[in-house]
C-alpha atoms as a PDB file:
ATOM      1  CA  MET A   1      13.141   1.177  19.643  1.00  0.00           C
ATOM      2  CA  PHE A   2       9.521   0.142  20.068  1.00  0.00           C
ATOM      3  CA  GLU A   3       8.696  -2.082  23.016  1.00  0.00           C
ATOM      4  CA  GLN A   4       5.762  -4.371  23.809  1.00  0.00           C
ATOM      5  CA  ILE A   5       4.717  -4.583  20.171  1.00  0.00           C
ATOM      6  CA  LYS A   6       2.330  -7.451  19.438  1.00  0.00           C
ATOM      7  CA  ALA A   7       1.447  -6.664  15.813  1.00  0.00           C
ATOM      8  CA  VAL A   8       2.891  -4.878  12.817  1.00  0.00           C
ATOM      9  CA  LEU A   9       0.453  -3.567  10.218  1.00  0.00           C
ATOM     10  CA  PHE A  10       1.586  -2.554   6.754  1.00  0.00           C
ATOM     11  CA  ASP A  11       0.317  -0.509   3.873  1.00  0.00           C
ATOM     12  CA  LEU A  12       0.281  -2.654   0.727  1.00  0.00           C
ATOM     13  CA  ASP A  13       1.389  -0.909  -2.475  1.00  0.00           C
ATOM     14  CA  GLY A  14       4.788   0.728  -2.122  1.00  0.00           C
ATOM     15  CA  THR A  15       5.405  -0.846   1.287  1.00  0.00           C
ATOM     16  CA  LEU A  16       5.131  -4.635   0.920  1.00  0.00           C
ATOM     17  CA  ILE A  17       4.756  -4.965  -2.840  1.00  0.00           C
ATOM     18  CA  ASP A  18       5.728  -3.008  -5.930  1.00  0.00           C
ATOM     19  CA  SER A  19       2.574  -2.978  -8.022  1.00  0.00           C
ATOM     20  CA  ALA A  20       3.607  -0.017 -10.181  1.00  0.00           C
ATOM     21  CA  PRO A  21       4.540  -2.191 -13.213  1.00  0.00           C
ATOM     22  CA  ASP A  22       1.037  -3.692 -13.436  1.00  0.00           C
ATOM     23  CA  LEU A  23      -0.716  -0.398 -12.707  1.00  0.00           C
ATOM     24  CA  GLY A  24       1.292   1.282 -15.439  1.00  0.00           C
ATOM     25  CA  ALA A  25       0.649  -1.565 -17.859  1.00  0.00           C
ATOM     26  CA  ALA A  26      -3.109  -1.339 -17.265  1.00  0.00           C
ATOM     27  CA  ALA A  27      -3.124   2.357 -18.119  1.00  0.00           C
ATOM     28  CA  ASP A  28      -0.734   2.028 -21.034  1.00  0.00           C
ATOM     29  CA  LYS A  29      -2.939  -0.645 -22.614  1.00  0.00           C
ATOM     30  CA  MET A  30      -5.682   1.957 -22.754  1.00  0.00           C
ATOM     31  CA  ARG A  31      -3.380   4.139 -24.819  1.00  0.00           C
ATOM     32  CA  THR A  32      -2.281   1.444 -27.233  1.00  0.00           C
ATOM     33  CA  ASP A  33      -5.868   0.193 -27.597  1.00  0.00           C
ATOM     34  CA  ARG A  34      -6.641   3.667 -28.906  1.00  0.00           C
ATOM     35  CA  GLY A  35      -3.743   3.716 -31.333  1.00  0.00           C
ATOM     36  CA  LEU A  36      -1.651   6.005 -29.140  1.00  0.00           C
ATOM     37  CA  PRO A  37       2.042   5.335 -28.581  1.00  0.00           C
ATOM     38  CA  SER A  38       3.126   3.545 -25.439  1.00  0.00           C
ATOM     39  CA  LEU A  39       4.625   5.676 -22.679  1.00  0.00           C
ATOM     40  CA  PRO A  40       7.770   4.694 -20.727  1.00  0.00           C
ATOM     41  CA  TYR A  41       7.129   2.895 -17.454  1.00  0.00           C
ATOM     42  CA  GLU A  42       9.238   5.529 -15.688  1.00  0.00           C
ATOM     43  CA  MET A  43       6.494   8.072 -16.321  1.00  0.00           C
ATOM     44  CA  TYR A  44       3.876   5.978 -14.541  1.00  0.00           C
ATOM     45  CA  ARG A  45       5.859   4.809 -11.519  1.00  0.00           C
ATOM     46  CA  PRO A  46       5.941   8.071  -9.491  1.00  0.00           C
ATOM     47  CA  MET A  47       2.134   8.223  -9.548  1.00  0.00           C
ATOM     48  CA  ALA A  48       1.503   4.569  -8.648  1.00  0.00           C
ATOM     49  CA  GLY A  49       0.376   5.516  -5.161  1.00  0.00           C
ATOM     50  CA  ALA A  50      -2.466   7.583  -6.609  1.00  0.00           C
ATOM     51  CA  GLY A  51      -4.163   4.605  -8.291  1.00  0.00           C
ATOM     52  CA  ALA A  52      -6.533   5.221 -11.200  1.00  0.00           C
ATOM     53  CA  ARG A  53      -6.371   8.977 -10.754  1.00  0.00           C
ATOM     54  CA  GLY A  54      -2.604   8.944 -11.070  1.00  0.00           C
ATOM     55  CA  MET A  55      -2.434   6.460 -13.918  1.00  0.00           C
ATOM     56  CA  LEU A  56      -5.105   8.181 -16.039  1.00  0.00           C
ATOM     57  CA  GLY A  57      -3.459  11.501 -15.336  1.00  0.00           C
ATOM     58  CA  ILE A  58      -0.211  10.235 -16.842  1.00  0.00           C
ATOM     59  CA  ALA A  59      -1.770   8.275 -19.706  1.00  0.00           C
ATOM     60  CA  PHE A  60      -4.282  10.900 -20.838  1.00  0.00           C
ATOM     61  CA  GLY A  61      -3.746  14.052 -18.794  1.00  0.00           C
ATOM     62  CA  MET A  62      -7.213  13.327 -17.369  1.00  0.00           C
ATOM     63  CA  THR A  63      -8.472  14.544 -14.009  1.00  0.00           C
ATOM     64  CA  PRO A  64     -11.410  13.171 -11.996  1.00  0.00           C
ATOM     65  CA  GLU A  65     -13.427  16.208 -13.081  1.00  0.00           C
ATOM     66  CA  HIS A  66     -13.392  15.088 -16.719  1.00  0.00           C
ATOM     67  CA  PRO A  67     -16.851  13.867 -17.823  1.00  0.00           C
ATOM     68  CA  GLU A  68     -15.368  10.634 -19.205  1.00  0.00           C
ATOM     69  CA  PHE A  69     -13.333   9.897 -16.090  1.00  0.00           C
ATOM     70  CA  PRO A  70     -15.753   7.366 -14.514  1.00  0.00           C
ATOM     71  CA  ALA A  71     -15.914   5.253 -17.676  1.00  0.00           C
ATOM     72  CA  MET A  72     -12.161   5.472 -18.218  1.00  0.00           C
ATOM     73  CA  ARG A  73     -11.545   4.539 -14.589  1.00  0.00           C
ATOM     74  CA  GLU A  74     -13.703   1.412 -14.932  1.00  0.00           C
ATOM     75  CA  GLU A  75     -11.812   0.424 -18.098  1.00  0.00           C
ATOM     76  CA  PHE A  76      -8.564   0.892 -16.217  1.00  0.00           C
ATOM     77  CA  PHE A  77      -9.911  -1.253 -13.366  1.00  0.00           C
ATOM     78  CA  ARG A  78     -10.827  -4.072 -15.753  1.00  0.00           C
ATOM     79  CA  ASN A  79      -7.382  -3.937 -17.350  1.00  0.00           C
ATOM     80  CA  TYR A  80      -5.757  -4.015 -13.933  1.00  0.00           C
ATOM     81  CA  GLU A  81      -7.846  -6.986 -12.803  1.00  0.00           C
ATOM     82  CA  GLY A  82      -6.546  -8.868 -15.818  1.00  0.00           C
ATOM     83  CA  CYS A  83      -2.862  -8.296 -15.042  1.00  0.00           C
ATOM     84  CA  MET A  84      -2.527  -7.454 -11.343  1.00  0.00           C
ATOM     85  CA  THR A  85      -0.076 -10.244 -10.492  1.00  0.00           C
ATOM     86  CA  GLN A  86       1.833 -10.473 -13.788  1.00  0.00           C
ATOM     87  CA  ARG A  87       4.584  -7.963 -12.964  1.00  0.00           C
ATOM     88  CA  THR A  88       3.918  -7.113  -9.310  1.00  0.00           C
ATOM     89  CA  TYR A  89       6.580  -8.347  -6.904  1.00  0.00           C
ATOM     90  CA  VAL A  90       7.377  -8.359  -3.205  1.00  0.00           C
ATOM     91  CA  PHE A  91      10.062  -5.853  -2.249  1.00  0.00           C
ATOM     92  CA  GLU A  92      13.440  -7.362  -1.450  1.00  0.00           C
ATOM     93  CA  GLY A  93      13.700  -8.189   2.237  1.00  0.00           C
ATOM     94  CA  VAL A  94       9.951  -8.280   2.901  1.00  0.00           C
ATOM     95  CA  ALA A  95       9.693 -12.079   2.934  1.00  0.00           C
ATOM     96  CA  GLN A  96      12.553 -12.308   5.444  1.00  0.00           C
ATOM     97  CA  LEU A  97      10.980  -9.531   7.528  1.00  0.00           C
ATOM     98  CA  ILE A  98       7.644 -11.356   7.715  1.00  0.00           C
ATOM     99  CA  ALA A  99       9.325 -14.664   8.502  1.00  0.00           C
ATOM    100  CA  THR A 100      11.218 -13.058  11.379  1.00  0.00           C
ATOM    101  CA  LEU A 101       8.067 -11.427  12.776  1.00  0.00           C
ATOM    102  CA  LEU A 102       6.379 -14.815  12.790  1.00  0.00           C
ATOM    103  CA  GLN A 103       9.382 -16.379  14.520  1.00  0.00           C
ATOM    104  CA  ARG A 104       9.079 -13.695  17.204  1.00  0.00           C
ATOM    105  CA  ASP A 105       5.353 -14.419  17.554  1.00  0.00           C
ATOM    106  CA  VAL A 106       4.477 -10.937  16.294  1.00  0.00           C
ATOM    107  CA  ALA A 107       1.260 -10.874  14.283  1.00  0.00           C
ATOM    108  CA  TRP A 108       1.112  -8.940  11.039  1.00  0.00           C
ATOM    109  CA  GLY A 109      -1.499  -7.657   8.654  1.00  0.00           C
ATOM    110  CA  VAL A 110      -2.350  -5.292   5.830  1.00  0.00           C
ATOM    111  CA  VAL A 111      -4.272  -2.021   5.857  1.00  0.00           C
ATOM    112  CA  THR A 112      -4.581  -0.457   2.413  1.00  0.00           C
ATOM    113  CA  ASN A 113      -6.756   2.102   0.656  1.00  0.00           C
ATOM    114  CA  LYS A 114      -6.963  -0.271  -2.310  1.00  0.00           C
ATOM    115  CA  SER A 115     -10.541  -1.554  -2.551  1.00  0.00           C
ATOM    116  CA  MET A 116     -11.197  -5.185  -1.701  1.00  0.00           C
ATOM    117  CA  ARG A 117     -12.190  -5.714  -5.337  1.00  0.00           C
ATOM    118  CA  PHE A 118      -8.463  -5.754  -6.019  1.00  0.00           C
ATOM    119  CA  THR A 119      -6.938  -6.350  -2.579  1.00  0.00           C
ATOM    120  CA  ALA A 120      -8.631  -9.708  -2.013  1.00  0.00           C
ATOM    121  CA  PRO A 121      -7.573 -11.443  -5.264  1.00  0.00           C
ATOM    122  CA  LEU A 122      -4.133  -9.838  -5.164  1.00  0.00           C
ATOM    123  CA  THR A 123      -3.332 -11.042  -1.652  1.00  0.00           C
ATOM    124  CA  ARG A 124      -4.845 -14.466  -2.356  1.00  0.00           C
ATOM    125  CA  GLY A 125      -2.641 -14.745  -5.418  1.00  0.00           C
ATOM    126  CA  MET A 126       0.670 -14.054  -3.618  1.00  0.00           C
ATOM    127  CA  PRO A 127       2.042 -16.650  -1.139  1.00  0.00           C
ATOM    128  CA  LEU A 128       3.448 -13.954   1.178  1.00  0.00           C
ATOM    129  CA  PHE A 129      -0.009 -13.092   2.499  1.00  0.00           C
ATOM    130  CA  ALA A 130      -1.026 -16.590   3.611  1.00  0.00           C
ATOM    131  CA  SER A 131       0.200 -15.818   7.145  1.00  0.00           C
ATOM    132  CA  ALA A 132      -1.398 -12.337   7.422  1.00  0.00           C
ATOM    133  CA  ARG A 133      -3.795 -12.151  10.369  1.00  0.00           C
ATOM    134  CA  THR A 134      -5.882  -9.425   8.761  1.00  0.00           C
ATOM    135  CA  VAL A 135      -6.298  -7.723   5.395  1.00  0.00           C
ATOM    136  CA  VAL A 136      -8.324  -4.500   5.532  1.00  0.00           C
ATOM    137  CA  GLY A 137      -9.101  -2.678   2.290  1.00  0.00           C
ATOM    138  CA  GLY A 138     -10.118   0.857   1.494  1.00  0.00           C
ATOM    139  CA  ASP A 139     -13.793  -0.052   1.527  1.00  0.00           C
ATOM    140  CA  SER A 140     -13.712  -2.471   4.480  1.00  0.00           C
ATOM    141  CA  THR A 141     -14.802   0.327   6.831  1.00  0.00           C
ATOM    142  CA  PRO A 142     -16.881   3.471   6.241  1.00  0.00           C
ATOM    143  CA  HIS A 143     -13.709   5.559   6.084  1.00  0.00           C
ATOM    144  CA  SER A 144     -10.331   5.087   4.379  1.00  0.00           C
ATOM    145  CA  LYS A 145      -6.941   6.427   5.435  1.00  0.00           C
ATOM    146  CA  PRO A 146      -6.003   8.985   6.723  1.00  0.00           C
ATOM    147  CA  HIS A 147      -9.016   8.208   8.942  1.00  0.00           C
ATOM    148  CA  PRO A 148      -8.011   5.798  11.734  1.00  0.00           C
ATOM    149  CA  ALA A 149     -11.028   3.486  11.243  1.00  0.00           C
ATOM    150  CA  PRO A 150      -9.270   0.907   9.014  1.00  0.00           C
ATOM    151  CA  LEU A 151      -6.330   0.611  11.394  1.00  0.00           C
ATOM    152  CA  LEU A 152      -8.582   0.276  14.418  1.00  0.00           C
ATOM    153  CA  GLU A 153     -10.545  -2.443  12.618  1.00  0.00           C
ATOM    154  CA  ALA A 154      -7.321  -4.303  11.808  1.00  0.00           C
ATOM    155  CA  ALA A 155      -6.219  -4.153  15.451  1.00  0.00           C
ATOM    156  CA  ARG A 156      -9.648  -5.437  16.492  1.00  0.00           C
ATOM    157  CA  GLN A 157      -9.396  -8.362  14.073  1.00  0.00           C
ATOM    158  CA  VAL A 158      -5.910  -9.265  15.275  1.00  0.00           C
ATOM    159  CA  GLY A 159      -6.998  -8.923  18.896  1.00  0.00           C
ATOM    160  CA  VAL A 160      -4.459  -6.345  20.070  1.00  0.00           C
ATOM    161  CA  LYS A 161      -4.654  -2.803  21.410  1.00  0.00           C
ATOM    162  CA  PRO A 162      -3.691   0.025  19.026  1.00  0.00           C
ATOM    163  CA  ILE A 163      -0.806   1.039  21.290  1.00  0.00           C
ATOM    164  CA  GLU A 164       0.593  -2.484  20.793  1.00  0.00           C
ATOM    165  CA  CYS A 165       0.753  -1.968  17.012  1.00  0.00           C
ATOM    166  CA  VAL A 166       3.238  -0.419  14.635  1.00  0.00           C
ATOM    167  CA  TYR A 167       1.946   0.841  11.296  1.00  0.00           C
ATOM    168  CA  VAL A 168       4.356   1.029   8.358  1.00  0.00           C
ATOM    169  CA  GLY A 169       3.546   2.966   5.187  1.00  0.00           C
ATOM    170  CA  ASP A 170       5.041   5.001   2.371  1.00  0.00           C
ATOM    171  CA  ASP A 171       2.607   7.934   2.292  1.00  0.00           C
ATOM    172  CA  LEU A 172       1.714  10.874   4.513  1.00  0.00           C
ATOM    173  CA  ARG A 173      -1.823   9.528   4.965  1.00  0.00           C
ATOM    174  CA  ASP A 174      -0.373   6.310   6.407  1.00  0.00           C
ATOM    175  CA  VAL A 175       1.403   8.228   9.149  1.00  0.00           C
ATOM    176  CA  GLN A 176      -1.652  10.395   9.770  1.00  0.00           C
ATOM    177  CA  ALA A 177      -3.892   7.333  10.089  1.00  0.00           C
ATOM    178  CA  GLY A 178      -1.458   5.531  12.359  1.00  0.00           C
ATOM    179  CA  LYS A 179      -1.068   8.481  14.697  1.00  0.00           C
ATOM    180  CA  ALA A 180      -4.830   9.074  14.781  1.00  0.00           C
ATOM    181  CA  ALA A 181      -5.308   5.413  15.724  1.00  0.00           C
ATOM    182  CA  GLY A 182      -2.811   5.681  18.580  1.00  0.00           C
ATOM    183  CA  MET A 183      -0.259   3.414  16.948  1.00  0.00           C
ATOM    184  CA  ARG A 184       3.489   3.825  16.546  1.00  0.00           C
ATOM    185  CA  THR A 185       4.297   4.877  12.980  1.00  0.00           C
ATOM    186  CA  VAL A 186       7.138   4.097  10.575  1.00  0.00           C
ATOM    187  CA  ALA A 187       7.627   5.794   7.204  1.00  0.00           C
ATOM    188  CA  ALA A 188       8.971   3.493   4.485  1.00  0.00           C
ATOM    189  CA  THR A 189      11.217   5.683   2.360  1.00  0.00           C
ATOM    190  CA  TYR A 190      11.827   2.945  -0.223  1.00  0.00           C
ATOM    191  CA  GLY A 191       8.204   3.133  -1.427  1.00  0.00           C
ATOM    192  CA  TYR A 192       6.383   5.546  -3.706  1.00  0.00           C
ATOM    193  CA  LEU A 193       6.453   8.367  -1.104  1.00  0.00           C
ATOM    194  CA  GLY A 194       3.216   9.921  -2.311  1.00  0.00           C
ATOM    195  CA  ALA A 195       3.181  13.315  -3.980  1.00  0.00           C
ATOM    196  CA  GLY A 196       6.212  15.338  -2.982  1.00  0.00           C
ATOM    197  CA  GLY A 197       7.799  12.837  -0.668  1.00  0.00           C
ATOM    198  CA  ASP A 198       8.888  15.214   2.122  1.00  0.00           C
ATOM    199  CA  VAL A 199       9.163  12.322   4.537  1.00  0.00           C
ATOM    200  CA  ALA A 200      10.768  14.339   7.320  1.00  0.00           C
ATOM    201  CA  ALA A 201       7.637  16.510   7.534  1.00  0.00           C
ATOM    202  CA  TRP A 202       5.243  13.577   7.983  1.00  0.00           C
ATOM    203  CA  GLY A 203       5.854  13.247  11.707  1.00  0.00           C
ATOM    204  CA  ALA A 204       6.443   9.488  11.740  1.00  0.00           C
ATOM    205  CA  ASP A 205       8.068   8.087  14.851  1.00  0.00           C
ATOM    206  CA  LEU A 206      10.811   6.487  12.770  1.00  0.00           C
ATOM    207  CA  ARG A 207      11.864   6.018   9.145  1.00  0.00           C
ATOM    208  CA  ILE A 208      13.307   2.985   7.357  1.00  0.00           C
ATOM    209  CA  ASP A 209      15.163   2.831   4.045  1.00  0.00           C
ATOM    210  CA  THR A 210      14.735  -0.937   3.587  1.00  0.00           C
ATOM    211  CA  PRO A 211      12.126  -3.412   4.874  1.00  0.00           C
ATOM    212  CA  LEU A 212      14.638  -5.270   7.051  1.00  0.00           C
ATOM    213  CA  ALA A 213      15.577  -2.024   8.815  1.00  0.00           C
ATOM    214  CA  LEU A 214      12.339  -2.418  10.755  1.00  0.00           C
ATOM    215  CA  LEU A 215      13.587  -5.428  12.719  1.00  0.00           C
ATOM    216  CA  PRO A 216      16.157  -3.620  14.902  1.00  0.00           C
ATOM    217  CA  LEU A 217      13.435  -1.153  15.880  1.00  0.00           C
ATOM    218  CA  LEU A 218      11.318  -3.868  17.471  1.00  0.00           C
ATOM    219  CA  ALA A 219      12.369  -5.223  20.846  1.00  0.00           C
ATOM    220  CA  ALA A 220      12.868  -8.956  20.361  1.00  0.00           C
END
């Protein structure tokens, strides 16, 4: 159990929300716009945590080294901006988790590698985030996760010490960033789990299989 926790910070995609359906749809539209057959959503979902790189890899077998990758990535971004809240949903139990944190006077916020180009409108468009004390994107600081800078900035904005924070995420880089920032870390095994998903090897302080499993870990 974690004691003297004043804030809980969360990764966004795969931890608080499931954005894979909209990410997959944005990439699949690129295929159908080119007269290619649609691919099953199940092919896109495992790579949702990798963003444009993952989605274009599934849709076209394209890597960032491909000369057309920058243009294709921007097309994907425009598609995603047009649909980012159509199919995205909050994971079951997250709303109750946030409500309970607020009842306990525990602040909460978001630290994601998603750029603010997408993070800002997405969080503004979903009621859950109205009570978030901070939302830090992948380009809010000079470094993104696994560097600790975004987490330290979030703690600064909330007004708490890093040791008073828990960081929850579904990828190895989340745990690495949290540990580097001096925070307690929780691996969310219900998320996308990154590439490989060997959660036991990440070195998180604790693991949770559902969002609500976090509550017993925090001293009330």
